[in-house]
Amino acid sequence: MKLKIKKGSTVKVIAGSDKGKTGSVLEVYPKTMRIKVQGVRIQTNLDKKENQLVKTEGTIHYSNVQLVEAASKSTKTKAKKKTASKNA
């Protein structure tokens, strides 16, 4: 299924413990229909190499967010060729 939410879009969480928060989409996983939103579902993980606690965003399901603003498309402008009109 093709998802309407893309990386860089702004979404609002409508269900779950982070209900009401807004943020931009960091990553999209279309196979599992899950997305990562900036500042939503913060998880604490232990970095064993540096022995530090690291906070990262977890994924939430696609159905628990509402699209607020779509990511802007980078449109390419094509130069139109001027056709010479043939006047007799």
C-alpha atoms as a PDB file:
ATOM      1  CA  MET A   1       0.000   0.000   0.000  1.00  0.00           C
ATOM      2  CA  LYS A   2       1.330   3.426  -0.907  1.00  0.00           C
ATOM      3  CA  LEU A   3       1.523   5.812   2.039  1.00  0.00           C
ATOM      4  CA  LYS A   4       0.559   9.470   1.671  1.00  0.00           C
ATOM      5  CA  ILE A   5       2.903  10.519   4.467  1.00  0.00           C
ATOM      6  CA  LYS A   6       6.450  11.095   3.225  1.00  0.00           C
ATOM      7  CA  LYS A   7       9.748  11.900   4.896  1.00  0.00           C
ATOM      8  CA  GLY A   8       9.797  15.568   5.873  1.00  0.00           C
ATOM      9  CA  SER A   9       6.008  15.914   6.237  1.00  0.00           C
ATOM     10  CA  THR A  10       4.528  17.458   9.382  1.00  0.00           C
ATOM     11  CA  VAL A  11       2.113  15.184  11.247  1.00  0.00           C
ATOM     12  CA  LYS A  12       0.009  15.296  14.418  1.00  0.00           C
ATOM     13  CA  VAL A  13      -0.360  12.259  16.690  1.00  0.00           C
ATOM     14  CA  ILE A  14      -4.064  11.453  17.180  1.00  0.00           C
ATOM     15  CA  ALA A  15      -3.808   8.321  19.352  1.00  0.00           C
ATOM     16  CA  GLY A  16      -1.551   6.891  22.039  1.00  0.00           C
ATOM     17  CA  SER A  17       0.452   8.298  24.928  1.00  0.00           C
ATOM     18  CA  ASP A  18       1.867  11.124  22.777  1.00  0.00           C
ATOM     19  CA  LYS A  19      -1.563  12.277  21.576  1.00  0.00           C
ATOM     20  CA  GLY A  20      -1.618  15.921  20.478  1.00  0.00           C
ATOM     21  CA  LYS A  21       2.099  16.239  19.705  1.00  0.00           C
ATOM     22  CA  THR A  22       3.234  17.409  16.286  1.00  0.00           C
ATOM     23  CA  GLY A  23       6.537  16.801  14.564  1.00  0.00           C
ATOM     24  CA  SER A  24       8.230  16.136  11.277  1.00  0.00           C
ATOM     25  CA  VAL A  25       8.596  12.640   9.842  1.00  0.00           C
ATOM     26  CA  LEU A  26      12.153  11.320  10.107  1.00  0.00           C
ATOM     27  CA  GLU A  27      11.742   7.887   8.474  1.00  0.00           C
ATOM     28  CA  VAL A  28       8.993   5.886   6.780  1.00  0.00           C
ATOM     29  CA  TYR A  29       8.744   2.076   6.763  1.00  0.00           C
ATOM     30  CA  PRO A  30       6.073   1.226   4.147  1.00  0.00           C
ATOM     31  CA  LYS A  31       6.235  -2.573   4.560  1.00  0.00           C
ATOM     32  CA  THR A  32       5.264  -2.433   8.226  1.00  0.00           C
ATOM     33  CA  MET A  33       3.252   0.820   7.876  1.00  0.00           C
ATOM     34  CA  ARG A  34       5.214   2.507  10.645  1.00  0.00           C
ATOM     35  CA  ILE A  35       6.859   5.936  10.810  1.00  0.00           C
ATOM     36  CA  LYS A  36       9.334   7.803  13.038  1.00  0.00           C
ATOM     37  CA  VAL A  37       8.240  11.265  14.150  1.00  0.00           C
ATOM     38  CA  GLN A  38      10.593  13.788  15.711  1.00  0.00           C
ATOM     39  CA  GLY A  39       9.978  14.104  19.476  1.00  0.00           C
ATOM     40  CA  VAL A  40       7.393  11.316  19.639  1.00  0.00           C
ATOM     41  CA  ARG A  41       7.785   7.976  21.474  1.00  0.00           C
ATOM     42  CA  ILE A  42      11.203   8.697  22.953  1.00  0.00           C
ATOM     43  CA  GLN A  43      13.032   5.513  23.957  1.00  0.00           C
ATOM     44  CA  THR A  44      16.121   5.245  26.137  1.00  0.00           C
ATOM     45  CA  ASN A  45      18.795   2.817  24.942  1.00  0.00           C
ATOM     46  CA  LEU A  46      22.152   1.907  26.454  1.00  0.00           C
ATOM     47  CA  ASP A  47      25.177   2.494  24.237  1.00  0.00           C
ATOM     48  CA  LYS A  48      27.497  -0.277  25.417  1.00  0.00           C
ATOM     49  CA  LYS A  49      30.624   1.139  23.775  1.00  0.00           C
ATOM     50  CA  GLU A  50      30.424   4.496  25.551  1.00  0.00           C
ATOM     51  CA  ASN A  51      28.363   3.224  28.524  1.00  0.00           C
ATOM     52  CA  GLN A  52      25.831   6.043  28.091  1.00  0.00           C
ATOM     53  CA  LEU A  53      22.082   6.305  27.874  1.00  0.00           C
ATOM     54  CA  VAL A  54      20.969   7.477  24.435  1.00  0.00           C
ATOM     55  CA  LYS A  55      17.459   8.769  23.723  1.00  0.00           C
ATOM     56  CA  THR A  56      16.025   7.976  20.288  1.00  0.00           C
ATOM     57  CA  GLU A  57      12.615   8.124  18.636  1.00  0.00           C
ATOM     58  CA  GLY A  58      10.640   4.913  18.264  1.00  0.00           C
ATOM     59  CA  THR A  59       8.242   4.047  15.482  1.00  0.00           C
ATOM     60  CA  ILE A  60       4.487   4.533  15.631  1.00  0.00           C
ATOM     61  CA  HIS A  61       1.800   3.106  13.387  1.00  0.00           C
ATOM     62  CA  TYR A  62       0.686   5.032  10.325  1.00  0.00           C
ATOM     63  CA  SER A  63      -2.955   5.069  11.460  1.00  0.00           C
ATOM     64  CA  ASN A  64      -2.117   6.942  14.684  1.00  0.00           C
ATOM     65  CA  VAL A  65      -1.055  10.146  12.913  1.00  0.00           C
ATOM     66  CA  GLN A  66      -2.794  12.807  10.870  1.00  0.00           C
ATOM     67  CA  LEU A  67      -1.116  14.697   8.053  1.00  0.00           C
ATOM     68  CA  VAL A  68      -0.833  18.410   8.865  1.00  0.00           C
ATOM     69  CA  GLU A  69       1.451  19.624   6.086  1.00  0.00           C
ATOM     70  CA  ALA A  70       2.784  17.565   3.202  1.00  0.00           C
ATOM     71  CA  ALA A  71       6.466  17.588   2.329  1.00  0.00           C
ATOM     72  CA  SER A  72       7.227  20.082  -0.395  1.00  0.00           C
ATOM     73  CA  LYS A  73       7.995  18.534  -3.728  1.00  0.00           C
ATOM     74  CA  SER A  74      11.080  19.706  -5.504  1.00  0.00           C
ATOM     75  CA  THR A  75       9.700  20.649  -8.866  1.00  0.00           C
ATOM     76  CA  LYS A  76      11.970  20.907 -11.802  1.00  0.00           C
ATOM     77  CA  THR A  77      11.266  23.768 -14.117  1.00  0.00           C
ATOM     78  CA  LYS A  78      11.597  22.901 -17.731  1.00  0.00           C
ATOM     79  CA  ALA A  79      12.564  25.538 -20.181  1.00  0.00           C
ATOM     80  CA  LYS A  80       9.973  25.593 -22.907  1.00  0.00           C
ATOM     81  CA  LYS A  81      11.358  25.717 -26.376  1.00  0.00           C
ATOM     82  CA  LYS A  82      10.049  28.554 -28.427  1.00  0.00           C
ATOM     83  CA  THR A  83       8.817  27.376 -31.735  1.00  0.00           C
ATOM     84  CA  ALA A  84       9.443  29.750 -34.574  1.00  0.00           C
ATOM     85  CA  SER A  85       6.193  30.614 -36.238  1.00  0.00           C
ATOM     86  CA  LYS A  86       6.329  30.378 -39.980  1.00  0.00           C
ATOM     87  CA  ASN A  87       4.908  33.559 -41.429  1.00  0.00           C
ATOM     88  CA  ALA A  88       4.807  33.723 -45.207  1.00  0.00           C
END
